[in-house]
Amino acid sequence: MPLSHHNAFLTAWVLYVCAVASSEGANATLSVSPAVESPVVKPAAAPVSLLLSAFPDDLEVSDYCSELLRLFGQRYVAYVNCLVPAARPVKVCQNCFGAYGSLVTTYMNISSEQSAPGNESCRDSLLRSDRLMLVYLLFDNLQDLWTKAACDNCINDGFRSLTDDTLYFMSILNQTLTCFERYQQGNHTELCKNCKSAYKGLNELYSGMEKNGTMCIDIEDGMNMTRRLWSKNFKCSLPREETVPVIAVSSFMLFLPIIFYLSSFLHSEQKKRKLIHPKRAKSYASSLMNIRDKRS
């Protein structure tokens, strides 16, 4: 084969190989997906149903206990949702006693030994099945809040209603605040004068409830806010009746040393007179006898 023909053949072969390579590259480019896969291989998550099916039937929570747990969660949320708006001013006892009573009823059913119709108990499966005891801790925190607020002093047994003492205090409190609103504009002298009787009665009622232990956080916070309005905002004052006895006792204690020294001085002078008197009487009697002897 001549050299010129050999060179032409090699040139044609190179062009053919380049064309084939170019075509394969284009196809490979077209087949690449636009989404780039992450090089990290993630393990497939096991379905929850497969995990639950691995436990024996005697360890699973029954339908009755699951329903109690669901009801507990609903009433727990309802009570917390009631507490947040009642935080300021404090009305956690008077506004949320119904929600708390429902929560207590549900928890008692959970913790009871025989709560289900078939004497089925959820205490072990819901309260004691793990170290955390989440249901118990959740309820214990809210119960501790209820106890610190002393709400039992303002609520009747069974969480039916507020006590009569609480209702009466709230009525007097509303009357006092209404009087404040009526005279708060302008000169506060009229407010101090016209609302003095209502404010004084509220103070006396509060002092009595404080001594008797019939006071909860709602009453305490309401009284504190009213006193702050009376003294700080309106610059009013209420003379206390016990001021006079205190002044009298203080005055007596102040003059007690003077009285003591004065009485001691008078007592010592009286003793001196008693000691001198017999000597004078004896000398007077002897002088009388001498006069009689002289006359005789």
C-alpha atoms as a PDB file:
ATOM      1  CA  MET A   1       0.000   0.000   0.000  1.00  0.00           C
ATOM      2  CA  PRO A   2       1.433   3.370  -0.935  1.00  0.00           C
ATOM      3  CA  LEU A   3       2.401   5.707   1.868  1.00  0.00           C
ATOM      4  CA  SER A   4      -0.174   8.297   0.878  1.00  0.00           C
ATOM      5  CA  HIS A   5      -2.948   5.724   1.027  1.00  0.00           C
ATOM      6  CA  HIS A   6      -1.684   4.524   4.452  1.00  0.00           C
ATOM      7  CA  ASN A   7      -1.750   8.042   5.892  1.00  0.00           C
ATOM      8  CA  ALA A   8      -5.265   8.626   4.570  1.00  0.00           C
ATOM      9  CA  PHE A   9      -6.433   5.413   6.183  1.00  0.00           C
ATOM     10  CA  LEU A  10      -4.947   6.377   9.582  1.00  0.00           C
ATOM     11  CA  THR A  11      -6.525   9.815   9.383  1.00  0.00           C
ATOM     12  CA  ALA A  12      -9.954   8.327   8.635  1.00  0.00           C
ATOM     13  CA  TRP A  13      -9.570   5.843  11.524  1.00  0.00           C
ATOM     14  CA  VAL A  14      -8.695   8.597  14.037  1.00  0.00           C
ATOM     15  CA  LEU A  15     -11.682  10.639  12.946  1.00  0.00           C
ATOM     16  CA  TYR A  16     -13.963   7.634  13.341  1.00  0.00           C
ATOM     17  CA  VAL A  17     -12.685   6.894  16.873  1.00  0.00           C
ATOM     18  CA  CYS A  18     -13.159  10.532  17.901  1.00  0.00           C
ATOM     19  CA  ALA A  19     -16.681  10.558  16.531  1.00  0.00           C
ATOM     20  CA  VAL A  20     -17.592   7.388  18.466  1.00  0.00           C
ATOM     21  CA  ALA A  21     -16.084   8.765  21.707  1.00  0.00           C
ATOM     22  CA  SER A  22     -17.939  12.022  21.269  1.00  0.00           C
ATOM     23  CA  SER A  23     -21.224  10.217  20.749  1.00  0.00           C
ATOM     24  CA  GLU A  24     -20.768   8.057  23.876  1.00  0.00           C
ATOM     25  CA  GLY A  25     -19.902  11.116  25.953  1.00  0.00           C
ATOM     26  CA  ALA A  26     -23.048  12.886  24.828  1.00  0.00           C
ATOM     27  CA  ASN A  27     -25.191   9.887  25.693  1.00  0.00           C
ATOM     28  CA  ALA A  28     -23.540   9.614  29.080  1.00  0.00           C
ATOM     29  CA  THR A  29     -24.199  13.303  29.705  1.00  0.00           C
ATOM     30  CA  LEU A  30     -27.838  12.938  28.810  1.00  0.00           C
ATOM     31  CA  SER A  31     -28.289   9.948  31.114  1.00  0.00           C
ATOM     32  CA  VAL A  32     -26.967  11.720  34.230  1.00  0.00           C
ATOM     33  CA  SER A  33     -29.767  12.724  36.668  1.00  0.00           C
ATOM     34  CA  PRO A  34     -29.884  16.426  37.606  1.00  0.00           C
ATOM     35  CA  ALA A  35     -30.255  15.566  41.307  1.00  0.00           C
ATOM     36  CA  VAL A  36     -26.937  14.728  42.934  1.00  0.00           C
ATOM     37  CA  GLU A  37     -27.164  11.920  45.466  1.00  0.00           C
ATOM     38  CA  SER A  38     -25.462  12.371  48.827  1.00  0.00           C
ATOM     39  CA  PRO A  39     -22.454  10.112  49.273  1.00  0.00           C
ATOM     40  CA  VAL A  40     -23.556   9.397  52.886  1.00  0.00           C
ATOM     41  CA  VAL A  41     -25.580   6.233  53.107  1.00  0.00           C
ATOM     42  CA  LYS A  42     -28.522   6.609  55.527  1.00  0.00           C
ATOM     43  CA  PRO A  43     -29.974   3.522  57.178  1.00  0.00           C
ATOM     44  CA  ALA A  44     -33.627   2.957  56.555  1.00  0.00           C
ATOM     45  CA  ALA A  45     -35.804   3.761  59.595  1.00  0.00           C
ATOM     46  CA  ALA A  46     -37.679   0.787  60.922  1.00  0.00           C
ATOM     47  CA  PRO A  47     -41.458   1.235  60.940  1.00  0.00           C
ATOM     48  CA  VAL A  48     -43.005   1.804  64.381  1.00  0.00           C
ATOM     49  CA  SER A  49     -45.389  -1.063  63.852  1.00  0.00           C
ATOM     50  CA  LEU A  50     -42.474  -3.465  63.508  1.00  0.00           C
ATOM     51  CA  LEU A  51     -41.017  -2.256  66.805  1.00  0.00           C
ATOM     52  CA  LEU A  52     -44.287  -2.587  68.667  1.00  0.00           C
ATOM     53  CA  SER A  53     -44.952  -6.006  67.270  1.00  0.00           C
ATOM     54  CA  ALA A  54     -41.720  -7.225  68.862  1.00  0.00           C
ATOM     55  CA  PHE A  55     -43.138  -6.868  72.415  1.00  0.00           C
ATOM     56  CA  PRO A  56     -45.270  -9.582  73.990  1.00  0.00           C
ATOM     57  CA  ASP A  57     -48.983  -9.019  74.343  1.00  0.00           C
ATOM     58  CA  ASP A  58     -48.840  -8.919  78.134  1.00  0.00           C
ATOM     59  CA  LEU A  59     -46.475  -5.872  78.028  1.00  0.00           C
ATOM     60  CA  GLU A  60     -48.577  -3.754  75.692  1.00  0.00           C
ATOM     61  CA  VAL A  61     -50.928  -1.058  77.011  1.00  0.00           C
ATOM     62  CA  SER A  62     -54.566  -2.033  76.809  1.00  0.00           C
ATOM     63  CA  ASP A  63     -57.154  -0.038  74.909  1.00  0.00           C
ATOM     64  CA  TYR A  64     -58.747   1.114  78.157  1.00  0.00           C
ATOM     65  CA  CYS A  65     -55.448   2.396  79.553  1.00  0.00           C
ATOM     66  CA  SER A  66     -54.584   4.058  76.243  1.00  0.00           C
ATOM     67  CA  GLU A  67     -57.910   5.891  76.354  1.00  0.00           C
ATOM     68  CA  LEU A  68     -57.234   6.999  79.935  1.00  0.00           C
ATOM     69  CA  LEU A  69     -53.804   8.261  78.914  1.00  0.00           C
ATOM     70  CA  ARG A  70     -55.302  10.199  76.014  1.00  0.00           C
ATOM     71  CA  LEU A  71     -57.936  11.722  78.314  1.00  0.00           C
ATOM     72  CA  PHE A  72     -55.258  12.625  80.862  1.00  0.00           C
ATOM     73  CA  GLY A  73     -53.308  14.463  78.162  1.00  0.00           C
ATOM     74  CA  GLN A  74     -56.364  16.422  77.051  1.00  0.00           C
ATOM     75  CA  ARG A  75     -57.284  17.517  80.569  1.00  0.00           C
ATOM     76  CA  TYR A  76     -53.670  18.290  81.426  1.00  0.00           C
ATOM     77  CA  VAL A  77     -53.442  20.659  78.456  1.00  0.00           C
ATOM     78  CA  ALA A  78     -56.804  22.212  79.329  1.00  0.00           C
ATOM     79  CA  TYR A  79     -55.660  22.951  82.881  1.00  0.00           C
ATOM     80  CA  VAL A  80     -52.338  24.437  81.767  1.00  0.00           C
ATOM     81  CA  ASN A  81     -54.134  26.585  79.193  1.00  0.00           C
ATOM     82  CA  CYS A  82     -56.328  27.876  82.020  1.00  0.00           C
ATOM     83  CA  LEU A  83     -53.381  28.623  84.302  1.00  0.00           C
ATOM     84  CA  VAL A  84     -51.445  30.827  81.896  1.00  0.00           C
ATOM     85  CA  PRO A  85     -54.099  33.572  81.461  1.00  0.00           C
ATOM     86  CA  ALA A  86     -54.906  33.395  85.185  1.00  0.00           C
ATOM     87  CA  ALA A  87     -51.317  34.113  86.213  1.00  0.00           C
ATOM     88  CA  ARG A  88     -51.708  37.915  86.430  1.00  0.00           C
ATOM     89  CA  PRO A  89     -53.796  38.992  88.172  1.00  0.00           C
ATOM     90  CA  VAL A  90     -53.795  35.706  90.034  1.00  0.00           C
ATOM     91  CA  LYS A  91     -57.078  33.838  89.561  1.00  0.00           C
ATOM     92  CA  VAL A  92     -55.814  30.271  89.376  1.00  0.00           C
ATOM     93  CA  CYS A  93     -58.181  28.988  92.061  1.00  0.00           C
ATOM     94  CA  GLN A  94     -61.415  30.666  91.049  1.00  0.00           C
ATOM     95  CA  ASN A  95     -60.970  30.214  87.291  1.00  0.00           C
ATOM     96  CA  CYS A  96     -59.320  26.788  87.022  1.00  0.00           C
ATOM     97  CA  PHE A  97     -60.770  24.643  89.809  1.00  0.00           C
ATOM     98  CA  GLY A  98     -63.069  22.853  87.336  1.00  0.00           C
ATOM     99  CA  ALA A  99     -60.223  21.914  84.991  1.00  0.00           C
ATOM    100  CA  TYR A 100     -58.083  20.788  87.915  1.00  0.00           C
ATOM    101  CA  GLY A 101     -60.912  18.665  89.313  1.00  0.00           C
ATOM    102  CA  SER A 102     -61.308  16.876  85.973  1.00  0.00           C
ATOM    103  CA  LEU A 103     -57.567  16.235  85.846  1.00  0.00           C
ATOM    104  CA  VAL A 104     -57.584  14.833  89.372  1.00  0.00           C
ATOM    105  CA  THR A 105     -60.462  12.496  88.512  1.00  0.00           C
ATOM    106  CA  THR A 106     -58.603  11.120  85.500  1.00  0.00           C
ATOM    107  CA  TYR A 107     -55.394  10.623  87.446  1.00  0.00           C
ATOM    108  CA  MET A 108     -57.226   8.833  90.227  1.00  0.00           C
ATOM    109  CA  ASN A 109     -58.660   6.434  87.647  1.00  0.00           C
ATOM    110  CA  ILE A 110     -55.165   5.807  86.332  1.00  0.00           C
ATOM    111  CA  SER A 111     -53.643   5.233  89.762  1.00  0.00           C
ATOM    112  CA  SER A 112     -56.529   3.153  91.083  1.00  0.00           C
ATOM    113  CA  GLU A 113     -56.071  -0.593  91.513  1.00  0.00           C
ATOM    114  CA  GLN A 114     -59.514  -1.395  90.079  1.00  0.00           C
ATOM    115  CA  SER A 115     -60.662   1.325  87.709  1.00  0.00           C
ATOM    116  CA  ALA A 116     -61.869  -0.556  84.633  1.00  0.00           C
ATOM    117  CA  PRO A 117     -65.179  -2.398  84.458  1.00  0.00           C
ATOM    118  CA  GLY A 118     -63.299  -5.694  84.452  1.00  0.00           C
ATOM    119  CA  ASN A 119     -61.169  -4.697  87.461  1.00  0.00           C
ATOM    120  CA  GLU A 120     -58.356  -3.758  85.108  1.00  0.00           C
ATOM    121  CA  SER A 121     -55.695  -1.486  86.577  1.00  0.00           C
ATOM    122  CA  CYS A 122     -53.578   0.992  84.596  1.00  0.00           C
ATOM    123  CA  ARG A 123     -51.325   1.918  87.487  1.00  0.00           C
ATOM    124  CA  ASP A 124     -48.515  -0.456  86.620  1.00  0.00           C
ATOM    125  CA  SER A 125     -48.581   0.088  82.868  1.00  0.00           C
ATOM    126  CA  LEU A 126     -48.846   3.907  82.962  1.00  0.00           C
ATOM    127  CA  LEU A 127     -47.182   4.914  86.227  1.00  0.00           C
ATOM    128  CA  ARG A 128     -44.627   2.263  87.153  1.00  0.00           C
ATOM    129  CA  SER A 129     -43.466   0.760  83.897  1.00  0.00           C
ATOM    130  CA  ASP A 130     -40.376   2.938  83.535  1.00  0.00           C
ATOM    131  CA  ARG A 131     -37.882   4.833  85.664  1.00  0.00           C
ATOM    132  CA  LEU A 132     -39.021   8.291  84.514  1.00  0.00           C
ATOM    133  CA  MET A 133     -42.686   7.859  85.505  1.00  0.00           C
ATOM    134  CA  LEU A 134     -43.687  10.733  83.266  1.00  0.00           C
ATOM    135  CA  VAL A 135     -47.420  10.705  84.035  1.00  0.00           C
ATOM    136  CA  TYR A 136     -46.727  10.824  87.757  1.00  0.00           C
ATOM    137  CA  LEU A 137     -44.210  13.675  87.417  1.00  0.00           C
ATOM    138  CA  LEU A 138     -46.557  15.742  85.259  1.00  0.00           C
ATOM    139  CA  PHE A 139     -49.404  15.414  87.713  1.00  0.00           C
ATOM    140  CA  ASP A 140     -47.181  15.921  90.753  1.00  0.00           C
ATOM    141  CA  ASN A 141     -45.921  19.259  89.420  1.00  0.00           C
ATOM    142  CA  LEU A 142     -49.444  20.602  88.942  1.00  0.00           C
ATOM    143  CA  GLN A 143     -50.549  19.239  92.294  1.00  0.00           C
ATOM    144  CA  ASP A 144     -47.619  20.976  93.975  1.00  0.00           C
ATOM    145  CA  LEU A 145     -48.653  24.245  92.327  1.00  0.00           C
ATOM    146  CA  TRP A 146     -52.234  23.774  93.565  1.00  0.00           C
ATOM    147  CA  THR A 147     -50.985  23.114  97.102  1.00  0.00           C
ATOM    148  CA  LYS A 148     -48.674  26.150  97.158  1.00  0.00           C
ATOM    149  CA  ALA A 149     -51.554  28.326  95.992  1.00  0.00           C
ATOM    150  CA  ALA A 150     -53.666  26.996  98.926  1.00  0.00           C
ATOM    151  CA  CYS A 151     -56.619  26.678  96.566  1.00  0.00           C
ATOM    152  CA  ASP A 152     -58.266  24.071  98.797  1.00  0.00           C
ATOM    153  CA  ASN A 153     -59.059  26.899 101.242  1.00  0.00           C
ATOM    154  CA  CYS A 154     -61.232  28.598  98.610  1.00  0.00           C
ATOM    155  CA  ILE A 155     -62.833  25.575  96.902  1.00  0.00           C
ATOM    156  CA  ASN A 156     -65.519  23.268  98.252  1.00  0.00           C
ATOM    157  CA  ASP A 157     -64.910  19.527  98.482  1.00  0.00           C
ATOM    158  CA  GLY A 158     -65.318  17.836  95.136  1.00  0.00           C
ATOM    159  CA  PHE A 159     -64.300  20.955  93.199  1.00  0.00           C
ATOM    160  CA  ARG A 160     -67.930  22.004  92.870  1.00  0.00           C
ATOM    161  CA  SER A 161     -67.720  25.737  93.581  1.00  0.00           C
ATOM    162  CA  LEU A 162     -66.019  28.494  95.555  1.00  0.00           C
ATOM    163  CA  THR A 163     -66.607  28.653  99.295  1.00  0.00           C
ATOM    164  CA  ASP A 164     -69.043  31.169 100.773  1.00  0.00           C
ATOM    165  CA  ASP A 165     -66.204  33.074 102.456  1.00  0.00           C
ATOM    166  CA  THR A 166     -64.387  33.409  99.145  1.00  0.00           C
ATOM    167  CA  LEU A 167     -67.492  34.609  97.321  1.00  0.00           C
ATOM    168  CA  TYR A 168     -68.186  37.168 100.043  1.00  0.00           C
ATOM    169  CA  PHE A 169     -64.613  38.481  99.939  1.00  0.00           C
ATOM    170  CA  MET A 170     -64.727  38.790  96.161  1.00  0.00           C
ATOM    171  CA  SER A 171     -67.981  40.730  96.455  1.00  0.00           C
ATOM    172  CA  ILE A 172     -66.489  43.234  98.928  1.00  0.00           C
ATOM    173  CA  LEU A 173     -63.350  43.467  96.797  1.00  0.00           C
ATOM    174  CA  ASN A 174     -65.400  44.311  93.716  1.00  0.00           C
ATOM    175  CA  GLN A 175     -67.303  46.981  95.655  1.00  0.00           C
ATOM    176  CA  THR A 176     -64.038  48.572  96.778  1.00  0.00           C
ATOM    177  CA  LEU A 177     -62.550  48.546  93.286  1.00  0.00           C
ATOM    178  CA  THR A 178     -65.769  49.992  91.875  1.00  0.00           C
ATOM    179  CA  CYS A 179     -65.488  52.861  94.352  1.00  0.00           C
ATOM    180  CA  PHE A 180     -61.895  53.415  93.262  1.00  0.00           C
ATOM    181  CA  GLU A 181     -62.943  53.618  89.630  1.00  0.00           C
ATOM    182  CA  ARG A 182     -65.708  56.100  90.435  1.00  0.00           C
ATOM    183  CA  TYR A 183     -63.421  58.631  92.155  1.00  0.00           C
ATOM    184  CA  GLN A 184     -60.020  57.945  90.605  1.00  0.00           C
ATOM    185  CA  GLN A 185     -60.282  60.884  88.188  1.00  0.00           C
ATOM    186  CA  GLY A 186     -59.158  64.236  89.485  1.00  0.00           C
ATOM    187  CA  ASN A 187     -58.483  64.887  93.148  1.00  0.00           C
ATOM    188  CA  HIS A 188     -57.900  61.717  95.137  1.00  0.00           C
ATOM    189  CA  THR A 189     -59.064  63.395  98.327  1.00  0.00           C
ATOM    190  CA  GLU A 190     -62.642  62.480  97.448  1.00  0.00           C
ATOM    191  CA  LEU A 191     -61.584  58.909  96.812  1.00  0.00           C
ATOM    192  CA  CYS A 192     -59.848  58.607 100.172  1.00  0.00           C
ATOM    193  CA  LYS A 193     -62.900  60.038 101.890  1.00  0.00           C
ATOM    194  CA  ASN A 194     -65.705  58.204 100.087  1.00  0.00           C
ATOM    195  CA  CYS A 195     -63.979  54.805  99.737  1.00  0.00           C
ATOM    196  CA  LYS A 196     -62.575  54.701 103.247  1.00  0.00           C
ATOM    197  CA  SER A 197     -65.457  52.668 104.660  1.00  0.00           C
ATOM    198  CA  ALA A 198     -65.344  50.038 101.897  1.00  0.00           C
ATOM    199  CA  TYR A 199     -61.566  49.722 102.078  1.00  0.00           C
ATOM    200  CA  LYS A 200     -61.616  49.460 105.864  1.00  0.00           C
ATOM    201  CA  GLY A 201     -64.220  46.695 105.749  1.00  0.00           C
ATOM    202  CA  LEU A 202     -62.165  44.802 103.174  1.00  0.00           C
ATOM    203  CA  ASN A 203     -59.080  45.022 105.382  1.00  0.00           C
ATOM    204  CA  GLU A 204     -60.961  43.722 108.410  1.00  0.00           C
ATOM    205  CA  LEU A 205     -62.396  40.843 106.387  1.00  0.00           C
ATOM    206  CA  TYR A 206     -58.974  39.937 105.047  1.00  0.00           C
ATOM    207  CA  SER A 207     -57.420  39.974 108.530  1.00  0.00           C
ATOM    208  CA  GLY A 208     -60.104  37.610 109.786  1.00  0.00           C
ATOM    209  CA  MET A 209     -59.597  35.181 106.902  1.00  0.00           C
ATOM    210  CA  GLU A 210     -55.849  35.312 107.439  1.00  0.00           C
ATOM    211  CA  LYS A 211     -56.266  34.317 111.085  1.00  0.00           C
ATOM    212  CA  ASN A 212     -58.781  31.562 110.297  1.00  0.00           C
ATOM    213  CA  GLY A 213     -56.699  30.044 107.502  1.00  0.00           C
ATOM    214  CA  THR A 214     -59.461  30.401 104.878  1.00  0.00           C
ATOM    215  CA  MET A 215     -57.345  32.331 102.384  1.00  0.00           C
ATOM    216  CA  CYS A 216     -55.914  31.260  99.023  1.00  0.00           C
ATOM    217  CA  ILE A 217     -53.535  32.955  96.580  1.00  0.00           C
ATOM    218  CA  ASP A 218     -56.385  34.689  94.737  1.00  0.00           C
ATOM    219  CA  ILE A 219     -57.506  36.499  97.882  1.00  0.00           C
ATOM    220  CA  GLU A 220     -53.945  37.325  98.921  1.00  0.00           C
ATOM    221  CA  ASP A 221     -53.034  38.771  95.535  1.00  0.00           C
ATOM    222  CA  GLY A 222     -56.292  40.722  95.277  1.00  0.00           C
ATOM    223  CA  MET A 223     -55.742  42.302  98.702  1.00  0.00           C
ATOM    224  CA  ASN A 224     -52.121  43.179  97.919  1.00  0.00           C
ATOM    225  CA  MET A 225     -53.088  44.891  94.680  1.00  0.00           C
ATOM    226  CA  THR A 226     -55.870  46.837  96.423  1.00  0.00           C
ATOM    227  CA  ARG A 227     -53.512  48.011  99.141  1.00  0.00           C
ATOM    228  CA  ARG A 228     -51.011  49.092  96.520  1.00  0.00           C
ATOM    229  CA  LEU A 229     -53.672  51.148  94.773  1.00  0.00           C
ATOM    230  CA  TRP A 230     -54.839  52.718  98.049  1.00  0.00           C
ATOM    231  CA  SER A 231     -51.452  53.726  99.419  1.00  0.00           C
ATOM    232  CA  LYS A 232     -49.120  54.051  96.423  1.00  0.00           C
ATOM    233  CA  ASN A 233     -51.346  55.169  93.555  1.00  0.00           C
ATOM    234  CA  PHE A 234     -53.968  57.208  95.426  1.00  0.00           C
ATOM    235  CA  LYS A 235     -51.759  58.287  98.384  1.00  0.00           C
ATOM    236  CA  CYS A 236     -54.508  57.452 100.890  1.00  0.00           C
ATOM    237  CA  SER A 237     -54.005  56.408 104.485  1.00  0.00           C
ATOM    238  CA  LEU A 238     -56.154  54.544 106.975  1.00  0.00           C
ATOM    239  CA  PRO A 239     -55.466  55.210 110.677  1.00  0.00           C
ATOM    240  CA  ARG A 240     -55.507  51.973 112.543  1.00  0.00           C
ATOM    241  CA  GLU A 241     -57.556  51.656 115.709  1.00  0.00           C
ATOM    242  CA  GLU A 242     -54.784  49.853 117.507  1.00  0.00           C
ATOM    243  CA  THR A 243     -52.640  53.008 117.400  1.00  0.00           C
ATOM    244  CA  VAL A 244     -54.219  54.425 120.586  1.00  0.00           C
ATOM    245  CA  PRO A 245     -53.502  51.346 122.731  1.00  0.00           C
ATOM    246  CA  VAL A 246     -49.966  51.221 121.385  1.00  0.00           C
ATOM    247  CA  ILE A 247     -49.382  54.860 122.291  1.00  0.00           C
ATOM    248  CA  ALA A 248     -50.865  54.319 125.759  1.00  0.00           C
ATOM    249  CA  VAL A 249     -48.674  51.309 126.455  1.00  0.00           C
ATOM    250  CA  SER A 250     -45.601  53.101 125.125  1.00  0.00           C
ATOM    251  CA  SER A 251     -46.296  56.119 127.329  1.00  0.00           C
ATOM    252  CA  PHE A 252     -46.759  53.918 130.379  1.00  0.00           C
ATOM    253  CA  MET A 253     -43.469  52.151 129.701  1.00  0.00           C
ATOM    254  CA  LEU A 254     -41.755  55.517 129.258  1.00  0.00           C
ATOM    255  CA  PHE A 255     -42.962  56.885 132.605  1.00  0.00           C
ATOM    256  CA  LEU A 256     -42.553  53.600 134.442  1.00  0.00           C
ATOM    257  CA  PRO A 257     -39.008  54.389 135.707  1.00  0.00           C
ATOM    258  CA  ILE A 258     -40.181  57.777 136.982  1.00  0.00           C
ATOM    259  CA  ILE A 259     -43.089  56.184 138.796  1.00  0.00           C
ATOM    260  CA  PHE A 260     -40.783  53.557 140.244  1.00  0.00           C
ATOM    261  CA  TYR A 261     -38.266  56.056 141.637  1.00  0.00           C
ATOM    262  CA  LEU A 262     -41.022  58.314 142.952  1.00  0.00           C
ATOM    263  CA  SER A 263     -42.745  55.480 144.768  1.00  0.00           C
ATOM    264  CA  SER A 264     -39.424  54.316 146.215  1.00  0.00           C
ATOM    265  CA  PHE A 265     -38.695  57.829 147.514  1.00  0.00           C
ATOM    266  CA  LEU A 266     -42.104  58.173 149.168  1.00  0.00           C
ATOM    267  CA  HIS A 267     -41.833  54.740 150.702  1.00  0.00           C
ATOM    268  CA  SER A 268     -38.427  55.528 152.213  1.00  0.00           C
ATOM    269  CA  GLU A 269     -39.701  58.829 153.702  1.00  0.00           C
ATOM    270  CA  GLN A 270     -42.606  57.007 155.305  1.00  0.00           C
ATOM    271  CA  LYS A 271     -40.235  54.539 156.933  1.00  0.00           C
ATOM    272  CA  LYS A 272     -38.175  57.371 158.374  1.00  0.00           C
ATOM    273  CA  ARG A 273     -41.245  58.907 159.948  1.00  0.00           C
ATOM    274  CA  LYS A 274     -42.229  55.619 161.519  1.00  0.00           C
ATOM    275  CA  LEU A 275     -38.775  55.216 163.016  1.00  0.00           C
ATOM    276  CA  ILE A 276     -38.634  58.752 164.470  1.00  0.00           C
ATOM    277  CA  HIS A 277     -42.146  58.853 165.872  1.00  0.00           C
ATOM    278  CA  PRO A 278     -41.637  56.425 168.857  1.00  0.00           C
ATOM    279  CA  LYS A 279     -38.626  58.400 170.148  1.00  0.00           C
ATOM    280  CA  ARG A 280     -40.560  61.631 170.124  1.00  0.00           C
ATOM    281  CA  ALA A 281     -43.485  59.983 171.901  1.00  0.00           C
ATOM    282  CA  LYS A 282     -41.191  58.537 174.590  1.00  0.00           C
ATOM    283  CA  SER A 283     -39.494  61.851 175.290  1.00  0.00           C
ATOM    284  CA  TYR A 284     -42.834  63.592 175.415  1.00  0.00           C
ATOM    285  CA  ALA A 285     -44.142  61.041 177.979  1.00  0.00           C
ATOM    286  CA  SER A 286     -41.050  61.399 180.160  1.00  0.00           C
ATOM    287  CA  SER A 287     -41.353  65.174 180.114  1.00  0.00           C
ATOM    288  CA  LEU A 288     -44.959  64.911 181.263  1.00  0.00           C
ATOM    289  CA  MET A 289     -43.945  62.682 184.214  1.00  0.00           C
ATOM    290  CA  ASN A 290     -41.283  65.167 185.264  1.00  0.00           C
ATOM    291  CA  ILE A 291     -43.780  67.983 185.295  1.00  0.00           C
ATOM    292  CA  ARG A 292     -46.165  65.955 187.426  1.00  0.00           C
ATOM    293  CA  ASP A 293     -43.412  65.126 189.932  1.00  0.00           C
ATOM    294  CA  LYS A 294     -42.462  68.742 190.263  1.00  0.00           C
ATOM    295  CA  ARG A 295     -46.036  69.727 190.963  1.00  0.00           C
ATOM    296  CA  SER A 296     -46.442  67.039 193.560  1.00  0.00           C
END
